[in-house]
Amino acid sequence: MIQFAADEDLDNHIVRGLRHRLPEVDVVRVQEVDLSGAPDESVLAWAADMDRVSTMTAAAHSRIARGEALPGLIIVPQSLAIGAAIEDLVLVATCSVSDDWANHVRFIPLA
């Protein structure tokens, strides 16, 4: 199953809802690994080292352009309803593999 790294801006309700809906999901908030307030490049480097698909948008395209690994990036608009975000993240977690996301930036909703 895909592992996620949730940035500081991802709504906590989405993280809690995802964990509730899919208890086996492996989602880590940057605050949980002492990366709160860290520069975007540091967070993306950590996510790449840990093979985690991130929700952090800043610096991702630059990282790809430099040829550095990016396990994937999912952009969750703050205007998206929490339930819709959770449903799409459950779909991503259960219906795809890490290689599907490597070096890609994708937006939800998926439809």
C-alpha atoms as a PDB file:
ATOM      1  CA  MET A   1       0.000   0.000   0.000  1.00  0.00           C
ATOM      2  CA  ILE A   2       1.184   3.519  -0.732  1.00  0.00           C
ATOM      3  CA  GLN A   3       2.710   5.434   2.160  1.00  0.00           C
ATOM      4  CA  PHE A   4       1.822   9.102   2.551  1.00  0.00           C
ATOM      5  CA  ALA A   5       3.640  12.117   3.957  1.00  0.00           C
ATOM      6  CA  ALA A   6       1.122  14.825   4.871  1.00  0.00           C
ATOM      7  CA  ASP A   7       2.398  18.386   4.916  1.00  0.00           C
ATOM      8  CA  GLU A   8       1.471  20.931   7.574  1.00  0.00           C
ATOM      9  CA  ASP A   9      -1.231  22.493   5.406  1.00  0.00           C
ATOM     10  CA  LEU A  10      -3.261  19.313   4.924  1.00  0.00           C
ATOM     11  CA  ASP A  11      -6.402  19.549   7.040  1.00  0.00           C
ATOM     12  CA  ASN A  12      -6.120  17.376  10.167  1.00  0.00           C
ATOM     13  CA  HIS A  13      -9.717  16.258   9.607  1.00  0.00           C
ATOM     14  CA  ILE A  14      -8.622  14.635   6.346  1.00  0.00           C
ATOM     15  CA  VAL A  15      -5.751  12.785   8.032  1.00  0.00           C
ATOM     16  CA  ARG A  16      -7.976  11.589  10.889  1.00  0.00           C
ATOM     17  CA  GLY A  17     -10.759  10.619   8.498  1.00  0.00           C
ATOM     18  CA  LEU A  18      -8.363   8.688   6.264  1.00  0.00           C
ATOM     19  CA  ARG A  19      -6.937   6.832   9.252  1.00  0.00           C
ATOM     20  CA  HIS A  20     -10.453   6.067  10.505  1.00  0.00           C
ATOM     21  CA  ARG A  21     -11.747   4.919   7.117  1.00  0.00           C
ATOM     22  CA  LEU A  22      -8.633   2.886   6.275  1.00  0.00           C
ATOM     23  CA  PRO A  23      -6.912   1.899   9.548  1.00  0.00           C
ATOM     24  CA  GLU A  24      -4.058   0.139   7.758  1.00  0.00           C
ATOM     25  CA  VAL A  25      -3.056   3.279   5.848  1.00  0.00           C
ATOM     26  CA  ASP A  26       0.459   4.539   6.545  1.00  0.00           C
ATOM     27  CA  VAL A  27       0.180   8.324   6.694  1.00  0.00           C
ATOM     28  CA  VAL A  28       2.667  10.446   8.598  1.00  0.00           C
ATOM     29  CA  ARG A  29       2.296  14.170   9.201  1.00  0.00           C
ATOM     30  CA  VAL A  30       5.524  16.141   9.024  1.00  0.00           C
ATOM     31  CA  GLN A  31       4.822  17.333  12.569  1.00  0.00           C
ATOM     32  CA  GLU A  32       5.050  13.718  13.760  1.00  0.00           C
ATOM     33  CA  VAL A  33       8.631  13.374  12.498  1.00  0.00           C
ATOM     34  CA  ASP A  34       9.968  16.712  13.743  1.00  0.00           C
ATOM     35  CA  LEU A  35       9.855  18.414  10.345  1.00  0.00           C
ATOM     36  CA  SER A  36       7.378  21.095  11.341  1.00  0.00           C
ATOM     37  CA  GLY A  37       8.568  24.389   9.870  1.00  0.00           C
ATOM     38  CA  ALA A  38      11.346  22.693   7.892  1.00  0.00           C
ATOM     39  CA  PRO A  39      12.138  24.067   4.415  1.00  0.00           C
ATOM     40  CA  ASP A  40      10.070  22.516   1.615  1.00  0.00           C
ATOM     41  CA  GLU A  41      13.154  20.918   0.042  1.00  0.00           C
ATOM     42  CA  SER A  42      13.987  19.168   3.329  1.00  0.00           C
ATOM     43  CA  VAL A  43      10.475  17.793   3.671  1.00  0.00           C
ATOM     44  CA  LEU A  44      10.440  16.533   0.074  1.00  0.00           C
ATOM     45  CA  ALA A  45      13.894  14.983   0.516  1.00  0.00           C
ATOM     46  CA  TRP A  46      12.684  13.188   3.656  1.00  0.00           C
ATOM     47  CA  ALA A  47       9.545  11.971   1.826  1.00  0.00           C
ATOM     48  CA  ALA A  48      11.720  10.699  -1.046  1.00  0.00           C
ATOM     49  CA  ASP A  49      14.099   8.929   1.338  1.00  0.00           C
ATOM     50  CA  MET A  50      11.117   7.274   3.051  1.00  0.00           C
ATOM     51  CA  ASP A  51       9.375   6.481  -0.300  1.00  0.00           C
ATOM     52  CA  ARG A  52       6.273   8.435   0.723  1.00  0.00           C
ATOM     53  CA  VAL A  53       3.869  10.163  -1.640  1.00  0.00           C
ATOM     54  CA  SER A  54       3.613  13.732  -0.398  1.00  0.00           C
ATOM     55  CA  THR A  55       0.875  16.336  -0.285  1.00  0.00           C
ATOM     56  CA  MET A  56       3.341  19.219  -0.401  1.00  0.00           C
ATOM     57  CA  THR A  57       3.311  21.262  -3.594  1.00  0.00           C
ATOM     58  CA  ALA A  58       6.175  23.684  -3.189  1.00  0.00           C
ATOM     59  CA  ALA A  59       9.464  22.666  -4.792  1.00  0.00           C
ATOM     60  CA  ALA A  60       8.192  19.379  -6.282  1.00  0.00           C
ATOM     61  CA  HIS A  61       8.574  20.416  -9.920  1.00  0.00           C
ATOM     62  CA  SER A  62      12.078  21.738  -9.252  1.00  0.00           C
ATOM     63  CA  ARG A  63      13.020  18.433  -7.657  1.00  0.00           C
ATOM     64  CA  ILE A  64      11.789  16.490 -10.711  1.00  0.00           C
ATOM     65  CA  ALA A  65      13.583  18.894 -13.082  1.00  0.00           C
ATOM     66  CA  ARG A  66      16.854  18.292 -11.227  1.00  0.00           C
ATOM     67  CA  GLY A  67      16.395  14.542 -11.666  1.00  0.00           C
ATOM     68  CA  GLU A  68      15.902  13.925  -7.957  1.00  0.00           C
ATOM     69  CA  ALA A  69      13.482  11.227  -6.860  1.00  0.00           C
ATOM     70  CA  LEU A  70       9.919  12.178  -6.014  1.00  0.00           C
ATOM     71  CA  PRO A  71       7.749   9.242  -4.931  1.00  0.00           C
ATOM     72  CA  GLY A  72       4.770  11.312  -6.055  1.00  0.00           C
ATOM     73  CA  LEU A  73       2.771  14.346  -5.082  1.00  0.00           C
ATOM     74  CA  ILE A  74      -0.948  14.637  -4.488  1.00  0.00           C
ATOM     75  CA  ILE A  75      -2.363  18.127  -4.404  1.00  0.00           C
ATOM     76  CA  VAL A  76      -5.406  18.438  -2.161  1.00  0.00           C
ATOM     77  CA  PRO A  77      -7.086  21.818  -2.700  1.00  0.00           C
ATOM     78  CA  GLN A  78      -8.174  23.438   0.555  1.00  0.00           C
ATOM     79  CA  SER A  79     -11.530  24.115  -1.066  1.00  0.00           C
ATOM     80  CA  LEU A  80     -12.186  20.387  -1.569  1.00  0.00           C
ATOM     81  CA  ALA A  81     -14.758  18.897   0.793  1.00  0.00           C
ATOM     82  CA  ILE A  82     -13.137  16.786   3.506  1.00  0.00           C
ATOM     83  CA  GLY A  83     -15.236  13.717   2.651  1.00  0.00           C
ATOM     84  CA  ALA A  84     -14.300  13.934  -1.022  1.00  0.00           C
ATOM     85  CA  ALA A  85     -10.600  14.241  -0.146  1.00  0.00           C
ATOM     86  CA  ILE A  86     -10.789  11.209   2.130  1.00  0.00           C
ATOM     87  CA  GLU A  87     -12.591   9.116  -0.503  1.00  0.00           C
ATOM     88  CA  ASP A  88     -10.010   9.942  -3.178  1.00  0.00           C
ATOM     89  CA  LEU A  89      -7.091   9.239  -0.839  1.00  0.00           C
ATOM     90  CA  VAL A  90      -8.642   5.880   0.098  1.00  0.00           C
ATOM     91  CA  LEU A  91      -8.941   5.133  -3.619  1.00  0.00           C
ATOM     92  CA  VAL A  92      -5.301   6.101  -4.194  1.00  0.00           C
ATOM     93  CA  ALA A  93      -4.116   4.017  -1.231  1.00  0.00           C
ATOM     94  CA  THR A  94      -6.052   0.898  -2.173  1.00  0.00           C
ATOM     95  CA  CYS A  95      -6.029   0.936  -5.970  1.00  0.00           C
ATOM     96  CA  SER A  96      -2.536   2.013  -6.932  1.00  0.00           C
ATOM     97  CA  VAL A  97       1.071   1.143  -6.246  1.00  0.00           C
ATOM     98  CA  SER A  98       4.021   3.400  -5.553  1.00  0.00           C
ATOM     99  CA  ASP A  99       5.355   3.160  -9.113  1.00  0.00           C
ATOM    100  CA  ASP A 100       2.102   4.706 -10.394  1.00  0.00           C
ATOM    101  CA  TRP A 101       3.010   7.937  -8.614  1.00  0.00           C
ATOM    102  CA  ALA A 102       6.789   8.175  -9.091  1.00  0.00           C
ATOM    103  CA  ASN A 103       7.807  11.624 -10.375  1.00  0.00           C
ATOM    104  CA  HIS A 104       4.186  12.646 -10.956  1.00  0.00           C
ATOM    105  CA  VAL A 105       2.190  15.544  -9.570  1.00  0.00           C
ATOM    106  CA  ARG A 106      -1.564  14.915  -9.554  1.00  0.00           C
ATOM    107  CA  PHE A 107      -4.571  16.783  -8.242  1.00  0.00           C
ATOM    108  CA  ILE A 108      -7.624  15.448  -6.458  1.00  0.00           C
ATOM    109  CA  PRO A 109     -10.499  15.133  -6.971  1.00  0.00           C
ATOM    110  CA  LEU A 110      -9.531  12.398  -9.381  1.00  0.00           C
ATOM    111  CA  ALA A 111     -12.744  12.564 -11.420  1.00  0.00           C
END
